[in-house]
């Protein structure tokens, strides 16, 4: 696991201000530090997960964190909450249609600073 100083140093090299703010906010909490570690890595190492992969991995009632982007391939029929850095437009449409709760990592850090009940998918 990277140190908080190293995470903040790597965040300083990013050009996306929203990503930088998310990394810095998540690095402040020990429980969110693993998400900050993943987000501070190079873009090619960042996670991209399709809905069908989430469907296969998640159980009903779980809160899933995707430190990257959620893509739209497949369907999601389970009642879960997805927290991710970004969502594709089609993925947002499918999640809204199936009444699945979703939010960004930045919003979730404010609601759940202790990261209780979260599971990270990579």
N, C-alpha and C. Protein backbone atom coordinates (compact mmCIF):
# COMPACT_ATOMS: atom_id res chain seq x y z
N UNK A 1 0.85 -1.18 0.00
CA UNK A 1 0.00 0.00 0.00
C UNK A 1 0.89 1.23 0.00
N UNK A 2 0.53 2.18 -0.81
CA UNK A 2 1.28 3.44 -0.90
C UNK A 2 1.02 4.31 0.33
N UNK A 3 1.98 5.16 0.62
CA UNK A 3 1.79 6.12 1.70
C UNK A 3 0.87 7.25 1.21
N UNK A 4 0.29 7.96 2.15
CA UNK A 4 -0.59 9.08 1.81
C UNK A 4 0.18 10.15 1.05
N UNK A 5 1.43 10.37 1.41
CA UNK A 5 2.26 11.35 0.72
C UNK A 5 2.46 10.97 -0.74
N UNK A 6 2.75 9.70 -1.00
CA UNK A 6 2.95 9.21 -2.37
C UNK A 6 1.66 9.32 -3.18
N UNK A 7 0.53 9.00 -2.57
CA UNK A 7 -0.77 9.11 -3.25
C UNK A 7 -1.03 10.57 -3.64
N UNK A 8 -0.81 11.49 -2.71
CA UNK A 8 -1.04 12.91 -3.00
C UNK A 8 -0.07 13.43 -4.06
N UNK A 9 1.16 12.93 -4.04
CA UNK A 9 2.15 13.32 -5.05
C UNK A 9 1.69 12.87 -6.43
N UNK A 10 1.21 11.64 -6.54
CA UNK A 10 0.73 11.13 -7.82
C UNK A 10 -0.55 11.84 -8.25
N UNK A 11 -1.39 12.22 -7.31
CA UNK A 11 -2.62 12.96 -7.63
C UNK A 11 -2.29 14.33 -8.21
N UNK A 12 -1.19 14.91 -7.77
CA UNK A 12 -0.77 16.21 -8.26
C UNK A 12 -0.41 16.21 -9.73
N UNK A 13 -0.08 15.05 -10.27
CA UNK A 13 0.27 14.94 -11.69
C UNK A 13 -0.95 14.78 -12.59
N UNK A 14 -2.11 14.53 -12.01
CA UNK A 14 -3.33 14.32 -12.79
C UNK A 14 -3.86 15.67 -13.28
N UNK A 15 -4.47 15.66 -14.47
CA UNK A 15 -5.01 16.90 -15.03
C UNK A 15 -6.51 17.05 -14.80
N UNK A 16 -7.20 15.97 -14.46
CA UNK A 16 -8.63 16.00 -14.20
C UNK A 16 -8.85 16.47 -12.76
N UNK A 17 -9.41 17.65 -12.60
CA UNK A 17 -9.57 18.23 -11.26
C UNK A 17 -10.54 17.43 -10.39
N UNK A 18 -11.57 16.84 -10.99
CA UNK A 18 -12.52 16.02 -10.23
C UNK A 18 -11.84 14.75 -9.70
N UNK A 19 -11.01 14.14 -10.52
CA UNK A 19 -10.26 12.95 -10.11
C UNK A 19 -9.29 13.30 -8.99
N UNK A 20 -8.59 14.40 -9.13
CA UNK A 20 -7.63 14.83 -8.12
C UNK A 20 -8.31 15.07 -6.78
N UNK A 21 -9.45 15.74 -6.81
CA UNK A 21 -10.19 16.00 -5.56
C UNK A 21 -10.67 14.71 -4.94
N UNK A 22 -11.13 13.76 -5.74
CA UNK A 22 -11.59 12.47 -5.23
C UNK A 22 -10.44 11.71 -4.58
N UNK A 23 -9.28 11.71 -5.23
CA UNK A 23 -8.11 11.01 -4.67
C UNK A 23 -7.71 11.63 -3.34
N UNK A 24 -7.66 12.94 -3.28
CA UNK A 24 -7.24 13.61 -2.04
C UNK A 24 -8.25 13.38 -0.91
N UNK A 25 -9.54 13.42 -1.23
CA UNK A 25 -10.57 13.17 -0.20
C UNK A 25 -10.50 11.73 0.31
N UNK A 26 -10.28 10.79 -0.59
CA UNK A 26 -10.24 9.39 -0.17
C UNK A 26 -8.94 9.06 0.56
N UNK A 27 -7.87 9.78 0.28
CA UNK A 27 -6.60 9.54 0.98
C UNK A 27 -6.63 10.01 2.42
N UNK A 28 -7.56 10.91 2.75
CA UNK A 28 -7.66 11.43 4.12
C UNK A 28 -8.13 10.38 5.11
N UNK A 29 -8.94 9.45 4.65
CA UNK A 29 -9.50 8.42 5.53
C UNK A 29 -8.76 7.10 5.33
N UNK A 30 -8.41 6.47 6.40
CA UNK A 30 -7.70 5.19 6.33
C UNK A 30 -8.54 4.12 5.62
N UNK A 31 -9.86 4.18 5.81
CA UNK A 31 -10.74 3.18 5.20
C UNK A 31 -10.90 3.36 3.70
N UNK A 32 -10.78 4.58 3.20
CA UNK A 32 -10.89 4.85 1.76
C UNK A 32 -9.54 4.84 1.07
N UNK A 33 -8.47 4.63 1.83
CA UNK A 33 -7.11 4.73 1.28
C UNK A 33 -6.85 3.73 0.15
N UNK A 34 -7.43 2.54 0.22
CA UNK A 34 -7.21 1.56 -0.85
C UNK A 34 -7.82 2.04 -2.17
N UNK A 35 -8.93 2.78 -2.10
CA UNK A 35 -9.53 3.36 -3.31
C UNK A 35 -8.61 4.46 -3.85
N UNK A 36 -8.07 5.29 -2.97
CA UNK A 36 -7.14 6.35 -3.39
C UNK A 36 -5.90 5.74 -4.05
N UNK A 37 -5.43 4.64 -3.51
CA UNK A 37 -4.27 3.93 -4.06
C UNK A 37 -4.54 3.52 -5.50
N UNK A 38 -5.70 2.95 -5.77
CA UNK A 38 -6.05 2.48 -7.12
C UNK A 38 -6.25 3.67 -8.07
N UNK A 39 -6.94 4.70 -7.61
CA UNK A 39 -7.21 5.86 -8.46
C UNK A 39 -5.96 6.66 -8.81
N UNK A 40 -4.94 6.61 -7.95
CA UNK A 40 -3.72 7.37 -8.21
C UNK A 40 -2.80 6.67 -9.20
N UNK A 41 -3.10 5.43 -9.53
CA UNK A 41 -2.29 4.70 -10.50
C UNK A 41 -2.53 5.26 -11.91
N UNK A 42 -1.70 4.88 -12.87
CA UNK A 42 -1.92 5.36 -14.25
C UNK A 42 -3.29 4.96 -14.79
N UNK A 43 -3.79 5.73 -15.72
CA UNK A 43 -5.12 5.52 -16.28
C UNK A 43 -5.29 4.11 -16.86
N UNK A 44 -4.26 3.58 -17.49
CA UNK A 44 -4.38 2.26 -18.11
C UNK A 44 -4.55 1.16 -17.07
N UNK A 45 -4.22 1.46 -15.82
CA UNK A 45 -4.39 0.48 -14.74
C UNK A 45 -5.74 0.61 -14.05
N UNK A 46 -6.49 1.66 -14.39
CA UNK A 46 -7.77 1.89 -13.74
C UNK A 46 -8.81 0.86 -14.18
N UNK A 47 -9.71 0.54 -13.31
CA UNK A 47 -10.71 -0.49 -13.55
C UNK A 47 -11.83 -0.01 -14.45
N UNK A 48 -12.24 -0.87 -15.38
CA UNK A 48 -13.44 -0.66 -16.18
C UNK A 48 -14.23 -1.96 -16.09
N UNK A 49 -15.45 -1.88 -15.57
CA UNK A 49 -16.26 -3.08 -15.35
C UNK A 49 -17.61 -2.90 -16.03
N UNK A 50 -18.05 -3.95 -16.71
CA UNK A 50 -19.36 -3.95 -17.34
C UNK A 50 -20.41 -4.42 -16.33
N UNK A 51 -21.67 -4.09 -16.63
CA UNK A 51 -22.77 -4.46 -15.73
C UNK A 51 -22.88 -5.98 -15.56
N UNK A 52 -22.62 -6.75 -16.62
CA UNK A 52 -22.72 -8.21 -16.50
C UNK A 52 -21.67 -8.78 -15.54
N UNK A 53 -20.50 -8.15 -15.48
CA UNK A 53 -19.47 -8.59 -14.53
C UNK A 53 -19.89 -8.27 -13.09
N UNK A 54 -20.51 -7.11 -12.89
CA UNK A 54 -21.00 -6.75 -11.57
C UNK A 54 -22.11 -7.71 -11.15
N UNK A 55 -23.00 -8.04 -12.09
CA UNK A 55 -24.09 -9.00 -11.84
C UNK A 55 -23.53 -10.34 -11.36
N UNK A 56 -22.45 -10.79 -11.98
CA UNK A 56 -21.86 -12.09 -11.62
C UNK A 56 -21.16 -12.05 -10.26
N UNK A 57 -20.55 -10.93 -9.91
CA UNK A 57 -19.75 -10.83 -8.69
C UNK A 57 -20.55 -10.43 -7.45
N UNK A 58 -21.55 -9.58 -7.61
CA UNK A 58 -22.23 -8.98 -6.46
C UNK A 58 -23.37 -9.86 -5.95
N UNK A 59 -23.66 -9.66 -4.67
CA UNK A 59 -24.80 -10.31 -4.03
C UNK A 59 -25.84 -9.25 -3.74
N UNK A 60 -27.09 -9.67 -3.62
CA UNK A 60 -28.17 -8.73 -3.30
C UNK A 60 -27.87 -7.96 -2.01
N UNK A 61 -28.14 -6.67 -2.03
CA UNK A 61 -27.98 -5.83 -0.85
C UNK A 61 -26.58 -5.28 -0.63
N UNK A 62 -25.63 -5.62 -1.48
CA UNK A 62 -24.25 -5.15 -1.29
C UNK A 62 -24.07 -3.73 -1.81
N UNK A 63 -23.06 -3.07 -1.27
CA UNK A 63 -22.61 -1.77 -1.77
C UNK A 63 -21.26 -2.02 -2.44
N UNK A 64 -21.23 -1.83 -3.76
CA UNK A 64 -20.05 -2.15 -4.56
C UNK A 64 -19.33 -0.86 -4.96
N UNK A 65 -18.01 -0.82 -4.74
CA UNK A 65 -17.18 0.31 -5.15
C UNK A 65 -16.36 -0.12 -6.36
N UNK A 66 -16.46 0.66 -7.44
CA UNK A 66 -15.67 0.43 -8.65
C UNK A 66 -14.72 1.62 -8.79
N UNK A 67 -13.42 1.42 -8.50
CA UNK A 67 -12.48 2.55 -8.63
C UNK A 67 -12.10 2.77 -10.09
N UNK A 68 -13.07 3.16 -10.87
CA UNK A 68 -12.90 3.37 -12.30
C UNK A 68 -14.26 3.66 -12.92
N UNK A 69 -14.49 3.08 -14.09
CA UNK A 69 -15.70 3.38 -14.84
C UNK A 69 -16.59 2.15 -14.97
N UNK A 70 -17.90 2.37 -14.87
CA UNK A 70 -18.89 1.31 -15.08
C UNK A 70 -19.39 1.45 -16.51
N UNK A 71 -19.30 0.35 -17.27
CA UNK A 71 -19.72 0.33 -18.67
C UNK A 71 -21.04 -0.42 -18.80
N UNK A 72 -21.68 -0.34 -19.96
CA UNK A 72 -23.08 -0.74 -20.08
C UNK A 72 -23.35 -2.16 -20.60
N UNK A 73 -22.35 -2.95 -20.94
CA UNK A 73 -22.63 -4.27 -21.49
C UNK A 73 -23.31 -5.16 -20.44
N UNK A 74 -24.40 -5.79 -20.83
CA UNK A 74 -25.11 -6.68 -19.94
C UNK A 74 -26.25 -6.00 -19.20
N UNK A 75 -26.88 -6.75 -18.33
CA UNK A 75 -27.99 -6.26 -17.51
C UNK A 75 -27.67 -6.49 -16.05
N UNK A 76 -28.26 -5.68 -15.21
CA UNK A 76 -28.10 -5.82 -13.76
C UNK A 76 -29.47 -5.92 -13.15
N UNK A 77 -29.78 -7.05 -12.54
CA UNK A 77 -31.10 -7.29 -11.97
C UNK A 77 -31.10 -7.37 -10.45
N UNK A 78 -29.93 -7.29 -9.83
CA UNK A 78 -29.85 -7.38 -8.38
C UNK A 78 -30.06 -6.01 -7.76
N UNK A 79 -30.57 -6.00 -6.55
CA UNK A 79 -30.78 -4.76 -5.81
C UNK A 79 -29.51 -4.45 -5.02
N UNK A 80 -28.62 -3.70 -5.65
CA UNK A 80 -27.36 -3.32 -5.03
C UNK A 80 -27.16 -1.82 -5.23
N UNK A 81 -26.12 -1.28 -4.59
CA UNK A 81 -25.73 0.11 -4.81
C UNK A 81 -24.34 0.09 -5.42
N UNK A 82 -24.17 0.84 -6.50
CA UNK A 82 -22.88 0.91 -7.18
C UNK A 82 -22.29 2.29 -6.98
N UNK A 83 -21.05 2.32 -6.50
CA UNK A 83 -20.33 3.56 -6.28
C UNK A 83 -19.10 3.50 -7.20
N UNK A 84 -18.96 4.47 -8.09
CA UNK A 84 -17.86 4.44 -9.04
C UNK A 84 -17.33 5.84 -9.31
N UNK A 85 -16.16 5.89 -9.93
CA UNK A 85 -15.59 7.17 -10.34
C UNK A 85 -16.42 7.77 -11.45
N UNK A 86 -16.77 6.96 -12.46
CA UNK A 86 -17.56 7.42 -13.61
C UNK A 86 -18.52 6.31 -14.05
N UNK A 87 -19.55 6.73 -14.77
CA UNK A 87 -20.50 5.80 -15.39
C UNK A 87 -20.66 6.23 -16.84
N UNK A 88 -20.74 5.25 -17.76
CA UNK A 88 -21.06 5.62 -19.14
C UNK A 88 -22.53 6.04 -19.17
N UNK A 89 -22.90 6.81 -20.19
CA UNK A 89 -24.28 7.28 -20.29
C UNK A 89 -25.27 6.12 -20.40
N UNK A 90 -24.93 5.11 -21.19
CA UNK A 90 -25.83 3.95 -21.34
C UNK A 90 -25.94 3.17 -20.04
N UNK A 91 -24.84 3.09 -19.29
CA UNK A 91 -24.89 2.40 -18.00
C UNK A 91 -25.82 3.14 -17.04
N UNK A 92 -25.76 4.48 -17.04
CA UNK A 92 -26.66 5.27 -16.20
C UNK A 92 -28.11 5.01 -16.57
N UNK A 93 -28.39 4.95 -17.88
CA UNK A 93 -29.75 4.68 -18.34
C UNK A 93 -30.24 3.32 -17.86
N UNK A 94 -29.40 2.30 -18.02
CA UNK A 94 -29.79 0.95 -17.61
C UNK A 94 -29.99 0.86 -16.10
N UNK A 95 -29.11 1.50 -15.34
CA UNK A 95 -29.24 1.46 -13.88
C UNK A 95 -30.50 2.19 -13.42
N UNK A 96 -30.81 3.31 -14.05
CA UNK A 96 -32.03 4.04 -13.70
C UNK A 96 -33.27 3.24 -14.06
N UNK A 97 -33.23 2.60 -15.22
CA UNK A 97 -34.36 1.79 -15.68
C UNK A 97 -34.64 0.62 -14.73
N UNK A 98 -33.58 0.00 -14.22
CA UNK A 98 -33.72 -1.14 -13.31
C UNK A 98 -33.80 -0.72 -11.84
N UNK A 99 -33.85 0.58 -11.61
CA UNK A 99 -33.98 1.14 -10.25
C UNK A 99 -32.85 0.70 -9.32
N UNK A 100 -31.64 0.71 -9.85
CA UNK A 100 -30.44 0.39 -9.06
C UNK A 100 -29.85 1.71 -8.58
N UNK A 101 -29.52 1.79 -7.29
CA UNK A 101 -28.91 2.99 -6.74
C UNK A 101 -27.46 3.09 -7.21
N UNK A 102 -27.06 4.30 -7.59
CA UNK A 102 -25.66 4.51 -7.97
C UNK A 102 -25.25 5.93 -7.60
N UNK A 103 -23.96 6.09 -7.30
CA UNK A 103 -23.41 7.41 -6.97
C UNK A 103 -21.92 7.41 -7.26
N UNK A 104 -21.34 8.60 -7.21
CA UNK A 104 -19.91 8.71 -7.44
C UNK A 104 -19.16 8.48 -6.12
N UNK A 105 -17.87 8.22 -6.24
CA UNK A 105 -17.04 7.99 -5.06
C UNK A 105 -17.00 9.26 -4.20
N UNK A 106 -16.90 10.42 -4.85
CA UNK A 106 -16.84 11.69 -4.10
C UNK A 106 -18.09 11.89 -3.24
N UNK A 107 -19.27 11.58 -3.80
CA UNK A 107 -20.51 11.72 -3.04
C UNK A 107 -20.55 10.73 -1.87
N UNK A 108 -20.08 9.52 -2.11
CA UNK A 108 -20.13 8.47 -1.08
C UNK A 108 -19.16 8.75 0.05
N UNK A 109 -18.02 9.37 -0.23
CA UNK A 109 -17.07 9.72 0.83
C UNK A 109 -17.72 10.68 1.82
N UNK A 110 -18.54 11.61 1.31
CA UNK A 110 -19.23 12.55 2.18
C UNK A 110 -20.32 11.87 2.99
N UNK A 111 -21.04 10.91 2.40
CA UNK A 111 -22.12 10.21 3.09
C UNK A 111 -21.60 9.15 4.05
N UNK A 112 -20.53 8.45 3.67
CA UNK A 112 -20.03 7.31 4.41
C UNK A 112 -18.52 7.45 4.61
N UNK A 113 -18.06 8.38 5.46
CA UNK A 113 -16.62 8.60 5.61
C UNK A 113 -15.88 7.40 6.21
N UNK A 114 -16.59 6.52 6.89
CA UNK A 114 -15.94 5.35 7.49
C UNK A 114 -15.88 4.16 6.54
N UNK A 115 -16.48 4.27 5.37
CA UNK A 115 -16.49 3.21 4.34
C UNK A 115 -17.06 1.90 4.89
N UNK A 116 -18.12 1.99 5.67
CA UNK A 116 -18.72 0.80 6.25
C UNK A 116 -19.61 0.09 5.23
N UNK A 117 -19.48 -1.22 5.15
CA UNK A 117 -20.34 -2.04 4.31
C UNK A 117 -20.04 -1.94 2.82
N UNK A 118 -18.81 -1.57 2.47
CA UNK A 118 -18.45 -1.43 1.06
C UNK A 118 -17.54 -2.58 0.63
N UNK A 119 -17.68 -2.97 -0.63
CA UNK A 119 -16.81 -3.99 -1.21
C UNK A 119 -16.24 -3.45 -2.51
N UNK A 120 -14.92 -3.52 -2.66
CA UNK A 120 -14.26 -2.99 -3.84
C UNK A 120 -14.12 -4.08 -4.89
N UNK A 121 -14.57 -3.77 -6.12
CA UNK A 121 -14.39 -4.66 -7.27
C UNK A 121 -13.30 -4.09 -8.14
N UNK A 122 -12.39 -4.95 -8.57
CA UNK A 122 -11.32 -4.51 -9.48
C UNK A 122 -11.36 -5.27 -10.75
